[in-house]
Amino acid sequence: MRISLRVVLAAAATAALGTGATLWATAAGAAHTATAPTITLLYGAAPDYLDPQEGYTTQSAEATWVSYLGLYGYAHAAGAAGGVVIPALATALPNITGGGKTYTMTLRPNLVYSNGKKVQATDFAYSIERALKINWGGDPYYTGSIVGAAAYQKGTAKTISGIVANNATRTIVVHLLAAYGPFLNILSFPSSGFVPAGTPMKTATTTMPAGVGPYMITNVNPGKSWEGQINPNYAKEAIPGIPVAHVNVQARVEANTTTETEDVLNNTADVFDTGDAVSPALLAQVKAKASNRYGTTPVVQTFYFFMNSKVKPFNSLLVREAVIISIDQNALSKLDSGNLVPGCYFLPIGLVGHPTKPCPYGNPAISPTAATITRAKKLIAQAGDTGAAVTVYSQERQPRTQYVTYYASVLQELGFKVNIKQIVDANYFPTVGNLKLEAQTGFADWLEDFPNPADFYLLLDKNSIQPVNNQNFSQVDDPKIQNAITKLDALPPSQLPSHAADWQALDYYVAQKAYEAVYGYPVDPTFVSTRINFKAAKVQPTYGWDWTSFQLNS
């Protein structure tokens, strides 16, 4: 069963989570800090950045969400419970007034950073300003919602006027341009995590800023390895619902999934990246020899090939349609050990707004026939783009590079002159997100930042198109989409179910326009060594592995 994506903002749930966690943190923290063992966690790709105000990949967020707490965060739980927003550095959920445009919060007392410095209410404003200054990829979440954020980013204001903080009273007030339903989720981003005022306004690459949380990120070797060390100061803070850590984490990149699979199977590494695919050649062996430490978990994620609607040949709907009907999603799923569920809609299965109507260009679970390819070639000829040159962008990690190799073969069969451009994984999204490149097409995916369809539509919002760190790779600029998201983004989470049909209609329209070549929704592997307590280890639906859940078997 797929994960439910309804955000639950319940104080009762927060209280229930908090009671046990407080005792856990107080009793266990100090002892574990000095004596904790170290486990090895493998990643198929390096994070884009480990700086919380710059990172925007799952590999980054998995480390930063437990190292840089903000005013709010998500419950440390698997499945639907992991969609609960809980207070983190704030004492309680916000007091929302002014028709949904004013959020008033209070910072917890006596908080300190991992370097021992006192946490101040004004650090919140500094942290958001820092995210804007170093051009975080999700900038539009701030500039499009907080009063004065856009002016600050443009350099026409020295501060964000819509954030008012008082260190004496520990109060933080945020004024919004308009009511924005998911704003509490925005405050839960790792990019909204606190760093001390005075932290350099440039991307940290090897030495990370101080933060508040169970972990602190250290010993960064960019593109290769990093460590999550237990933060000795965190146990003293005992924030309800946010556990202390039990183990130190040594993270390293292993781009070859066969080697990654073998290392965990043979216990030379401890944790397999949930975002990777277990080697198809070794899957049967894993299921036979490691059945008590291997499983799968559904995730709210869409895999797709972006097609830049501003440049040839993908500025033609006929060409985009031709590409979509020619992709064999069953062939792509085999490259992921059968763990891709076919689909055509941008909003994934399990998310409010995922359409239930048949796909506009045919059943994606049925492989294209020779007649389908012939029809696709005719559409391309009708557009006048037969033989056009196409550069396809690819990551290096498996099976993503295989996805792109297959995709390139389809484009070649359709008559295009195809060149594959492979980019180092850690640099991939910043590269294709640079507008100067004018990337035509390539691999893309999106794992929920928060459980709301508005999150996915950041990638189709014209306001997301920015010179660097652009997330709208297809450069979609469609008035119908803009009108719809302006209306739907204002909805509070409690009203999402009653407006599911509106999101469904919008997403069906996007499929009709063929803005993205969606090719499936993944089911992720959970796979650990014999050292790890598999039953205790949790996959948080937004961020992947919850490092605080890692424990050794007794």
Protein backbone atom coordinates (compact mmCIF):
# COMPACT_ATOMS: atom_id res chain seq x y z
CA MET A 1 0.00 0.00 0.00
CA ARG A 2 1.33 3.41 -0.92
CA ILE A 3 2.04 6.07 1.68
CA SER A 4 -0.82 8.38 2.58
CA LEU A 5 0.14 11.99 1.95
CA ARG A 6 -2.29 13.90 4.09
CA VAL A 7 -0.48 16.30 6.42
CA VAL A 8 -1.73 15.91 9.97
CA LEU A 9 -1.24 18.95 12.13
CA ALA A 10 -2.47 17.51 15.38
CA ALA A 11 -1.23 18.67 18.74
CA ALA A 12 -2.39 15.38 20.21
CA ALA A 13 -0.13 13.47 17.84
CA THR A 14 2.76 15.74 18.73
CA ALA A 15 2.24 15.15 22.43
CA ALA A 16 2.06 11.40 21.95
CA LEU A 17 5.32 11.42 20.04
CA GLY A 18 7.01 13.63 22.57
CA THR A 19 6.60 11.84 25.90
CA GLY A 20 8.80 8.83 25.26
CA ALA A 21 11.30 10.75 23.18
CA THR A 22 12.08 13.16 26.00
CA LEU A 23 13.03 10.34 28.35
CA TRP A 24 15.02 8.65 25.60
CA ALA A 25 17.04 11.77 24.84
CA THR A 26 17.72 12.64 28.48
CA ALA A 27 18.76 9.18 29.60
CA ALA A 28 20.63 7.95 26.58
CA GLY A 29 22.24 10.93 24.91
CA ALA A 30 25.39 11.66 26.89
CA ALA A 31 26.43 8.04 27.19
CA HIS A 32 26.01 7.35 23.50
CA THR A 33 27.93 10.41 22.35
CA ALA A 34 31.34 9.21 23.51
CA THR A 35 30.95 5.46 23.06
CA ALA A 36 28.68 5.08 20.04
CA PRO A 37 29.78 2.68 17.30
CA THR A 38 30.17 3.73 13.68
CA ILE A 39 28.22 2.23 10.79
CA THR A 40 28.86 2.56 7.06
CA LEU A 41 26.09 3.88 4.84
CA LEU A 42 26.51 3.66 1.07
CA TYR A 43 25.11 6.13 -1.45
CA GLY A 44 24.88 5.66 -5.19
CA ALA A 45 25.40 9.39 -5.66
CA ALA A 46 26.96 12.17 -3.63
CA PRO A 47 24.75 14.97 -2.32
CA ASP A 48 24.60 18.06 -4.48
CA TYR A 49 25.55 20.03 -1.33
CA LEU A 50 25.63 19.26 2.38
CA ASP A 51 25.14 22.90 3.27
CA PRO A 52 21.50 23.02 4.49
CA GLN A 53 20.76 26.27 2.69
CA GLU A 54 22.01 24.92 -0.65
CA GLY A 55 21.37 21.15 -0.73
CA TYR A 56 18.33 19.97 -2.69
CA THR A 57 18.75 16.25 -3.30
CA THR A 58 17.60 13.33 -1.18
CA GLN A 59 21.21 12.44 -0.35
CA SER A 60 21.62 15.92 1.10
CA ALA A 61 18.30 16.01 2.96
CA GLU A 62 18.85 12.61 4.56
CA ALA A 63 21.85 14.10 6.37
CA THR A 64 20.65 17.67 6.91
CA TRP A 65 17.15 17.05 8.29
CA VAL A 66 18.70 15.47 11.41
CA SER A 67 21.54 18.01 11.63
CA TYR A 68 19.78 21.34 11.02
CA LEU A 69 16.46 21.55 12.80
CA GLY A 70 14.17 24.44 12.02
CA LEU A 71 11.12 25.70 13.83
CA TYR A 72 9.22 22.64 12.61
CA GLY A 73 9.99 19.21 11.25
CA TYR A 74 8.46 15.83 10.54
CA ALA A 75 7.75 12.96 12.87
CA HIS A 76 10.45 10.32 13.02
CA ALA A 77 8.19 7.60 11.74
CA ALA A 78 7.62 5.47 8.67
CA GLY A 79 4.55 5.58 6.44
CA ALA A 80 1.69 8.01 6.94
CA ALA A 81 2.85 8.94 10.44
CA GLY A 82 5.99 10.43 8.91
CA GLY A 83 3.83 13.14 7.31
CA VAL A 84 2.97 14.65 10.69
CA VAL A 85 4.46 18.11 11.16
CA ILE A 86 5.72 18.61 14.71
CA PRO A 87 7.36 21.50 16.55
CA ALA A 88 11.14 21.29 16.54
CA LEU A 89 12.88 24.47 17.71
CA ALA A 90 9.48 26.11 18.23
CA THR A 91 7.57 25.48 21.43
CA ALA A 92 4.31 24.68 19.64
CA LEU A 93 2.51 24.85 16.32
CA PRO A 94 2.15 28.46 15.12
CA ASN A 95 -0.61 30.85 15.94
CA ILE A 96 -1.99 31.69 12.48
CA THR A 97 -3.91 34.94 12.17
CA GLY A 98 -4.69 37.62 9.59
CA GLY A 99 -6.61 35.33 7.29
CA GLY A 100 -3.72 32.86 7.14
CA LYS A 101 -1.10 35.51 6.41
CA THR A 102 0.59 35.90 9.82
CA TYR A 103 2.46 33.11 11.65
CA THR A 104 3.56 33.75 15.22
CA MET A 105 5.96 31.31 16.90
CA THR A 106 8.10 31.09 20.02
CA LEU A 107 11.60 29.62 20.09
CA ARG A 108 12.38 27.06 22.77
CA PRO A 109 14.60 28.40 25.57
CA ASN A 110 18.21 27.42 26.25
CA LEU A 111 18.99 25.94 22.84
CA VAL A 112 22.61 25.71 21.73
CA TYR A 113 24.26 24.88 18.43
CA SER A 114 26.63 21.97 17.91
CA ASN A 115 29.52 24.42 18.52
CA GLY A 116 28.03 25.51 21.85
CA LYS A 117 26.80 28.91 20.68
CA LYS A 118 23.40 30.06 21.96
CA VAL A 119 20.49 29.89 19.50
CA GLN A 120 18.73 33.23 18.96
CA ALA A 121 15.34 34.02 17.44
CA THR A 122 17.02 36.33 14.94
CA ASP A 123 19.00 33.36 13.60
CA PHE A 124 15.83 32.26 11.82
CA ALA A 125 15.75 35.39 9.67
CA TYR A 126 19.47 35.06 9.01
CA SER A 127 19.09 31.44 7.91
CA ILE A 128 16.33 32.25 5.41
CA GLU A 129 18.32 35.21 4.12
CA ARG A 130 21.32 32.93 3.71
CA ALA A 131 19.27 30.45 1.65
CA LEU A 132 18.25 33.30 -0.65
CA LYS A 133 21.73 34.78 -0.82
CA ILE A 134 23.39 31.53 -1.92
CA ASN A 135 20.47 30.78 -4.25
CA TRP A 136 18.90 27.60 -2.91
CA GLY A 137 16.95 25.76 -5.64
CA GLY A 138 13.66 26.17 -3.78
CA ASP A 139 13.97 29.96 -3.53
CA PRO A 140 10.45 30.51 -4.93
CA TYR A 141 8.97 28.92 -1.81
CA TYR A 142 10.34 31.89 0.14
CA THR A 143 10.21 34.70 -2.41
CA GLY A 144 6.70 33.79 -3.48
CA SER A 145 5.28 33.62 0.02
CA ILE A 146 7.19 35.80 2.54
CA VAL A 147 6.76 39.58 2.48
CA GLY A 148 10.03 41.22 1.47
CA ALA A 149 11.86 38.01 0.53
CA ALA A 150 11.92 38.82 -3.18
CA ALA A 151 13.24 42.34 -2.49
CA TYR A 152 15.99 40.91 -0.31
CA GLN A 153 16.97 38.41 -2.98
CA LYS A 154 17.11 41.15 -5.62
CA GLY A 155 19.33 43.25 -3.36
CA THR A 156 16.85 46.11 -3.01
CA ALA A 157 16.40 45.45 0.73
CA LYS A 158 18.94 44.69 3.42
CA THR A 159 16.67 42.32 5.35
CA ILE A 160 13.45 40.39 4.82
CA SER A 161 10.82 42.80 6.10
CA GLY A 162 8.23 40.07 6.59
CA ILE A 163 10.26 38.33 9.31
CA VAL A 164 10.25 40.01 12.71
CA ALA A 165 12.20 38.34 15.52
CA ASN A 166 12.72 39.34 19.14
CA ASN A 167 15.58 37.68 21.02
CA ALA A 168 14.35 38.86 24.43
CA THR A 169 10.92 37.25 24.07
CA ARG A 170 12.10 34.52 21.64
CA THR A 171 9.17 35.34 19.35
CA ILE A 172 9.28 35.03 15.57
CA VAL A 173 6.56 36.51 13.38
CA VAL A 174 6.36 35.81 9.66
CA HIS A 175 4.08 37.83 7.38
CA LEU A 176 2.98 36.24 4.11
CA LEU A 177 2.00 37.89 0.86
CA ALA A 178 -1.11 35.70 0.77
CA ALA A 179 -2.42 32.67 2.59
CA TYR A 180 -0.31 29.68 1.58
CA GLY A 181 -1.52 26.28 2.74
CA PRO A 182 1.81 24.43 2.78
CA PHE A 183 3.75 27.19 4.57
CA LEU A 184 4.23 25.07 7.68
CA ASN A 185 5.91 22.52 5.42
CA ILE A 186 8.21 25.26 4.09
CA LEU A 187 9.25 26.01 7.66
CA SER A 188 10.08 22.29 7.99
CA PHE A 189 12.61 22.24 5.11
CA PRO A 190 16.26 21.60 6.02
CA SER A 191 16.90 24.88 4.20
CA SER A 192 14.85 26.57 6.95
CA GLY A 193 17.09 24.94 9.55
CA PHE A 194 18.86 27.32 11.91
CA VAL A 195 22.50 28.29 11.50
CA PRO A 196 24.20 30.94 13.64
CA ALA A 197 24.07 34.55 12.51
CA GLY A 198 27.41 35.37 10.96
CA THR A 199 27.72 32.06 9.14
CA PRO A 200 29.34 32.97 5.81
CA MET A 201 26.89 33.87 3.07
CA LYS A 202 28.44 31.38 0.67
CA THR A 203 28.06 27.67 0.11
CA ALA A 204 30.00 25.54 2.56
CA THR A 205 31.78 22.66 0.82
CA THR A 206 34.08 20.97 3.35
CA THR A 207 33.35 22.54 6.75
CA MET A 208 29.63 22.70 7.44
CA PRO A 209 27.90 25.35 9.57
CA ALA A 210 26.96 24.61 13.15
CA GLY A 211 23.41 23.39 13.60
CA VAL A 212 20.92 22.02 16.10
CA GLY A 213 19.99 18.36 15.87
CA PRO A 214 20.92 14.79 16.77
CA TYR A 215 23.80 14.84 14.28
CA MET A 216 26.48 17.18 13.00
CA ILE A 217 28.04 16.79 9.56
CA THR A 218 31.83 16.53 9.59
CA ASN A 219 34.85 15.35 7.59
CA VAL A 220 33.34 16.12 4.22
CA ASN A 221 35.30 14.93 1.20
CA PRO A 222 33.15 16.43 -1.58
CA GLY A 223 31.73 13.86 -3.96
CA LYS A 224 33.21 10.94 -2.02
CA SER A 225 32.40 10.74 1.69
CA TRP A 226 31.16 12.55 4.80
CA GLU A 227 30.33 11.72 8.40
CA GLY A 228 27.33 12.17 10.60
CA GLN A 229 28.67 12.40 14.14
CA ILE A 230 26.47 12.42 17.19
CA ASN A 231 25.99 16.00 18.40
CA PRO A 232 26.98 15.94 22.10
CA ASN A 233 24.97 19.08 22.83
CA TYR A 234 21.71 17.74 21.46
CA ALA A 235 20.99 15.24 24.26
CA LYS A 236 20.76 18.12 26.73
CA GLU A 237 17.96 19.75 24.74
CA ALA A 238 15.59 16.78 24.72
CA ILE A 239 13.24 18.09 22.04
CA PRO A 240 10.05 16.00 22.13
CA GLY A 241 9.55 13.76 19.11
CA ILE A 242 13.11 14.12 17.81
CA PRO A 243 15.25 11.28 19.17
CA VAL A 244 18.94 11.28 19.94
CA ALA A 245 21.26 9.24 17.74
CA HIS A 246 22.64 5.80 18.63
CA VAL A 247 25.43 5.45 16.09
CA ASN A 248 27.87 7.59 14.18
CA VAL A 249 27.45 7.35 10.42
CA GLN A 250 30.28 7.05 7.91
CA ALA A 251 28.72 7.82 4.52
CA ARG A 252 30.54 7.11 1.28
CA VAL A 253 29.67 7.05 -2.39
CA GLU A 254 29.58 3.77 -4.28
CA ALA A 255 28.24 4.45 -7.76
CA ASN A 256 28.36 0.81 -8.85
CA THR A 257 25.17 -0.79 -7.55
CA THR A 258 26.57 -4.29 -7.99
CA THR A 259 29.42 -3.45 -5.63
CA GLU A 260 27.01 -1.65 -3.32
CA THR A 261 24.75 -4.70 -3.20
CA GLU A 262 27.66 -7.08 -2.61
CA ASP A 263 29.09 -4.94 0.19
CA VAL A 264 25.86 -4.94 2.19
CA LEU A 265 25.11 -8.57 1.41
CA ASN A 266 28.58 -9.58 2.61
CA ASN A 267 28.53 -7.23 5.62
CA THR A 268 31.46 -5.08 4.51
CA ALA A 269 29.05 -2.13 4.59
CA ASP A 270 25.96 -1.66 6.74
CA VAL A 271 23.21 0.25 4.91
CA PHE A 272 22.11 0.34 1.26
CA ASP A 273 20.86 3.61 -0.22
CA THR A 274 17.06 3.48 -0.48
CA GLY A 275 17.33 5.60 -3.62
CA ASP A 276 19.37 2.95 -5.43
CA ALA A 277 18.33 -0.28 -7.13
CA VAL A 278 19.60 -3.59 -5.85
CA SER A 279 21.58 -5.17 -8.68
CA PRO A 280 19.13 -7.23 -10.78
CA ALA A 281 21.78 -9.95 -11.14
CA LEU A 282 22.03 -10.28 -7.35
CA LEU A 283 18.39 -9.74 -6.37
CA ALA A 284 17.53 -13.43 -6.12
CA GLN A 285 20.62 -14.02 -3.98
CA VAL A 286 19.72 -11.12 -1.69
CA LYS A 287 16.18 -12.42 -1.23
CA ALA A 288 17.46 -15.91 -0.47
CA LYS A 289 20.39 -15.09 1.83
CA ALA A 290 19.23 -11.86 3.45
CA SER A 291 15.46 -12.20 3.63
CA ASN A 292 15.43 -11.04 7.27
CA ARG A 293 17.25 -7.80 6.43
CA TYR A 294 15.84 -6.91 3.02
CA GLY A 295 12.49 -5.46 2.01
CA THR A 296 10.86 -2.72 -0.04
CA THR A 297 8.95 0.41 0.84
CA PRO A 298 6.72 2.61 -1.32
CA VAL A 299 7.80 6.21 -1.81
CA VAL A 300 6.06 9.30 -3.12
CA GLN A 301 8.25 9.93 -6.12
CA THR A 302 8.00 10.40 -9.87
CA PHE A 303 10.64 9.39 -12.41
CA TYR A 304 10.52 11.28 -15.70
CA PHE A 305 12.53 12.62 -18.60
CA PHE A 306 12.29 16.38 -18.80
CA MET A 307 11.70 17.90 -22.25
CA ASN A 308 12.56 21.57 -22.55
CA SER A 309 9.45 23.20 -23.97
CA LYS A 310 11.39 26.36 -24.89
CA VAL A 311 13.86 24.78 -27.33
CA LYS A 312 13.62 22.57 -30.39
CA PRO A 313 12.49 19.89 -30.93
CA PHE A 314 10.55 19.66 -27.64
CA ASN A 315 8.84 23.00 -28.06
CA SER A 316 6.39 21.00 -30.22
CA LEU A 317 3.56 19.11 -28.54
CA LEU A 318 3.63 16.67 -31.46
CA VAL A 319 7.24 15.75 -30.70
CA ARG A 320 6.61 15.41 -26.97
CA GLU A 321 3.61 13.16 -27.66
CA ALA A 322 5.70 11.05 -30.04
CA VAL A 323 8.35 10.51 -27.40
CA ILE A 324 5.86 9.55 -24.70
CA ILE A 325 4.04 6.93 -26.77
CA SER A 326 7.37 5.38 -27.83
CA ILE A 327 8.81 4.70 -24.37
CA ASP A 328 8.51 1.12 -23.12
CA GLN A 329 8.00 1.52 -19.39
CA ASN A 330 8.26 -2.23 -18.85
CA ALA A 331 11.79 -2.15 -20.27
CA LEU A 332 12.70 0.68 -17.91
CA SER A 333 11.24 -1.14 -14.90
CA LYS A 334 13.43 -4.17 -15.59
CA LEU A 335 16.47 -1.93 -15.19
CA ASP A 336 15.26 -1.24 -11.62
CA SER A 337 14.71 -4.90 -10.71
CA GLY A 338 11.02 -4.49 -11.56
CA ASN A 339 10.52 -1.78 -8.92
CA LEU A 340 9.01 0.91 -11.15
CA VAL A 341 5.21 1.09 -11.33
CA PRO A 342 4.19 2.34 -14.82
CA GLY A 343 2.40 5.67 -15.01
CA CYS A 344 1.87 8.86 -16.99
CA TYR A 345 0.89 11.42 -14.37
CA PHE A 346 3.25 13.89 -12.76
CA LEU A 347 1.59 13.55 -9.36
CA PRO A 348 2.57 10.07 -8.15
CA ILE A 349 0.42 7.28 -6.78
CA GLY A 350 -0.61 7.91 -3.18
CA LEU A 351 -0.56 11.68 -3.44
CA VAL A 352 -3.75 13.71 -3.22
CA GLY A 353 -4.55 14.74 -6.78
CA HIS A 354 -3.14 11.71 -8.60
CA PRO A 355 -5.63 11.22 -11.48
CA THR A 356 -7.61 8.03 -11.84
CA LYS A 357 -8.63 8.53 -15.49
CA PRO A 358 -6.92 6.50 -18.23
CA CYS A 359 -3.74 8.12 -19.51
CA PRO A 360 -4.37 10.45 -22.49
CA TYR A 361 -1.82 8.72 -24.75
CA GLY A 362 -2.59 5.09 -23.96
CA ASN A 363 -1.91 2.55 -21.25
CA PRO A 364 1.73 2.97 -20.11
CA ALA A 365 1.82 -0.65 -18.92
CA ILE A 366 1.49 -1.85 -22.52
CA SER A 367 4.72 -1.85 -24.52
CA PRO A 368 4.70 0.16 -27.77
CA THR A 369 4.28 -1.77 -31.01
CA ALA A 370 5.90 -1.23 -34.42
CA ALA A 371 2.73 0.60 -35.44
CA THR A 372 3.14 2.93 -32.47
CA ILE A 373 6.69 3.82 -33.50
CA THR A 374 5.53 4.46 -37.07
CA ARG A 375 2.83 6.82 -35.77
CA ALA A 376 5.39 8.60 -33.59
CA LYS A 377 7.68 9.16 -36.57
CA LYS A 378 4.80 10.68 -38.50
CA LEU A 379 4.08 13.09 -35.64
CA ILE A 380 7.72 14.19 -35.63
CA ALA A 381 7.67 14.65 -39.41
CA GLN A 382 4.49 16.69 -39.10
CA ALA A 383 6.32 18.94 -36.65
CA GLY A 384 9.17 19.31 -39.11
CA ASP A 385 11.74 17.93 -36.67
CA THR A 386 12.85 14.67 -38.27
CA GLY A 387 16.60 14.28 -37.87
CA ALA A 388 16.94 17.06 -35.28
CA ALA A 389 20.01 16.98 -33.04
CA VAL A 390 19.19 16.08 -29.43
CA THR A 391 21.54 16.04 -26.44
CA VAL A 392 20.32 13.84 -23.61
CA TYR A 393 21.67 14.53 -20.10
CA SER A 394 22.41 11.70 -17.72
CA GLN A 395 23.66 11.05 -14.23
CA GLU A 396 26.41 8.47 -13.74
CA ARG A 397 24.74 6.31 -11.10
CA GLN A 398 23.00 3.04 -11.88
CA PRO A 399 20.31 2.41 -13.04
CA ARG A 400 19.79 6.06 -14.00
CA THR A 401 22.48 5.95 -16.63
CA GLN A 402 20.80 2.84 -18.05
CA TYR A 403 17.46 4.67 -18.10
CA VAL A 404 19.02 7.40 -20.21
CA THR A 405 20.84 4.95 -22.48
CA TYR A 406 17.50 3.28 -23.19
CA TYR A 407 15.79 6.66 -23.67
CA ALA A 408 18.50 7.75 -26.10
CA SER A 409 17.96 4.56 -28.11
CA VAL A 410 14.26 5.40 -28.39
CA LEU A 411 15.03 8.92 -29.62
CA GLN A 412 17.49 7.50 -32.12
CA GLU A 413 14.89 5.02 -33.38
CA LEU A 414 12.54 7.97 -33.89
CA GLY A 415 15.09 9.55 -36.24
CA PHE A 416 16.84 12.07 -34.00
CA LYS A 417 20.60 12.56 -34.02
CA VAL A 418 21.35 11.74 -30.40
CA ASN A 419 24.27 12.57 -28.14
CA ILE A 420 24.43 11.51 -24.48
CA LYS A 421 26.06 13.96 -22.08
CA GLN A 422 26.92 12.28 -18.77
CA ILE A 423 27.38 14.54 -15.73
CA VAL A 424 28.95 13.66 -12.38
CA ASP A 425 26.05 12.87 -10.06
CA ALA A 426 26.77 15.57 -7.48
CA ASN A 427 26.86 18.21 -10.22
CA TYR A 428 24.01 16.90 -12.33
CA PHE A 429 21.01 18.91 -11.16
CA PRO A 430 22.93 22.20 -10.77
CA THR A 431 24.19 21.63 -14.33
CA VAL A 432 20.85 20.98 -16.03
CA GLY A 433 19.37 23.68 -13.79
CA ASN A 434 21.60 26.34 -15.34
CA LEU A 435 19.50 28.14 -17.95
CA LYS A 436 22.54 29.12 -19.99
CA LEU A 437 23.02 25.46 -20.88
CA GLU A 438 19.56 25.25 -22.49
CA ALA A 439 19.47 21.53 -21.74
CA GLN A 440 17.05 19.85 -24.15
CA THR A 441 16.14 16.67 -22.33
CA GLY A 442 17.38 14.19 -19.77
CA PHE A 443 16.85 12.30 -16.56
CA ALA A 444 14.85 13.83 -13.71
CA ASP A 445 12.97 12.67 -10.66
CA TRP A 446 11.13 14.24 -7.76
CA LEU A 447 10.68 12.89 -4.26
CA GLU A 448 8.25 14.85 -2.13
CA ASP A 449 9.65 17.72 -0.10
CA PHE A 450 6.37 17.67 1.76
CA PRO A 451 3.10 15.73 1.38
CA ASN A 452 1.16 18.16 -0.82
CA PRO A 453 0.70 18.30 -4.61
CA ALA A 454 1.84 21.94 -4.46
CA ASP A 455 5.33 20.57 -3.85
CA PHE A 456 5.44 18.74 -7.18
CA TYR A 457 4.01 21.72 -9.02
CA LEU A 458 7.03 23.79 -8.06
CA LEU A 459 8.58 22.03 -11.07
CA LEU A 460 5.84 23.28 -13.40
CA ASP A 461 5.55 26.80 -12.00
CA LYS A 462 6.85 29.58 -14.26
CA ASN A 463 8.04 31.40 -11.14
CA SER A 464 10.47 28.55 -10.48
CA ILE A 465 12.42 29.31 -13.64
CA GLN A 466 15.61 30.99 -12.45
CA PRO A 467 19.09 31.42 -13.98
CA VAL A 468 20.82 28.90 -11.70
CA ASN A 469 19.51 26.04 -9.58
CA ASN A 470 16.39 26.07 -11.72
CA GLN A 471 14.03 23.20 -10.88
CA ASN A 472 11.58 23.70 -13.75
CA PHE A 473 13.86 21.89 -16.21
CA SER A 474 11.18 21.80 -18.93
CA GLN A 475 10.68 25.57 -18.50
CA VAL A 476 6.92 25.13 -18.43
CA ASP A 477 5.15 28.50 -18.57
CA ASP A 478 1.45 27.80 -18.97
CA PRO A 479 -1.26 30.30 -17.89
CA LYS A 480 -3.74 27.51 -17.13
CA ILE A 481 -1.27 25.91 -14.73
CA GLN A 482 -0.47 29.27 -13.14
CA ASN A 483 -4.13 30.10 -12.55
CA ALA A 484 -4.78 26.69 -11.02
CA ILE A 485 -1.83 26.64 -8.64
CA THR A 486 -2.52 30.21 -7.50
CA LYS A 487 -5.90 28.99 -6.31
CA LEU A 488 -4.88 25.56 -5.03
CA ASP A 489 -1.68 26.60 -3.25
CA ALA A 490 -3.70 28.72 -0.84
CA LEU A 491 -5.60 25.72 0.50
CA PRO A 492 -4.80 24.65 4.07
CA PRO A 493 -3.86 20.95 4.37
CA SER A 494 -7.23 20.14 5.92
CA GLN A 495 -8.96 21.10 2.65
CA LEU A 496 -6.77 19.03 0.32
CA PRO A 497 -9.05 15.97 0.22
CA SER A 498 -12.08 18.06 -0.73
CA HIS A 499 -10.13 19.62 -3.63
CA ALA A 500 -8.56 16.42 -4.91
CA ALA A 501 -10.64 16.62 -8.10
CA ASP A 502 -9.18 20.05 -8.89
CA TRP A 503 -5.64 18.71 -8.63
CA GLN A 504 -6.62 15.66 -10.69
CA ALA A 505 -8.01 17.83 -13.47
CA LEU A 506 -4.85 19.94 -13.51
CA ASP A 507 -2.58 16.91 -13.59
CA TYR A 508 -4.60 15.33 -16.41
CA TYR A 509 -4.17 18.55 -18.38
CA VAL A 510 -0.39 18.42 -17.80
CA ALA A 511 -0.34 14.84 -19.12
CA GLN A 512 -2.29 15.95 -22.19
CA LYS A 513 0.26 18.68 -22.82
CA ALA A 514 3.04 16.09 -22.49
CA TYR A 515 5.27 18.50 -20.60
CA GLU A 516 7.18 15.64 -18.97
CA ALA A 517 7.80 12.07 -20.11
CA VAL A 518 6.78 10.31 -16.90
CA TYR A 519 7.81 6.66 -16.81
CA GLY A 520 7.02 5.36 -13.36
CA TYR A 521 6.81 5.51 -9.60
CA PRO A 522 9.45 3.61 -7.60
CA VAL A 523 9.32 1.16 -4.75
CA ASP A 524 12.56 1.56 -2.79
CA PRO A 525 14.73 -1.18 -1.27
CA THR A 526 15.44 -1.40 2.46
CA PHE A 527 18.58 -3.47 2.92
CA VAL A 528 21.07 -3.61 5.79
CA SER A 529 23.91 -5.73 7.13
CA THR A 530 23.56 -8.29 9.92
CA ARG A 531 24.93 -5.69 12.37
CA ILE A 532 21.88 -3.46 12.02
CA ASN A 533 18.58 -3.94 13.83
CA PHE A 534 16.40 -4.15 10.71
CA LYS A 535 13.12 -3.95 12.63
CA ALA A 536 14.14 -0.70 14.32
CA ALA A 537 15.45 1.01 11.16
CA LYS A 538 12.93 3.43 9.66
CA VAL A 539 12.50 5.00 6.24
CA GLN A 540 10.96 8.44 6.65
CA PRO A 541 8.64 9.11 3.67
CA THR A 542 10.14 12.49 2.81
CA TYR A 543 13.81 12.09 3.64
CA GLY A 544 14.71 8.41 3.33
CA TRP A 545 16.61 6.61 6.06
CA ASP A 546 16.10 8.08 9.50
CA TRP A 547 19.62 7.97 10.91
CA THR A 548 18.31 8.28 14.48
CA SER A 549 16.62 4.89 14.06
CA PHE A 550 19.85 3.01 13.34
CA GLN A 551 20.83 0.65 16.16
CA LEU A 552 23.11 -2.36 16.34
CA ASN A 553 21.74 -5.78 17.06
CA SER A 554 22.36 -6.75 20.67
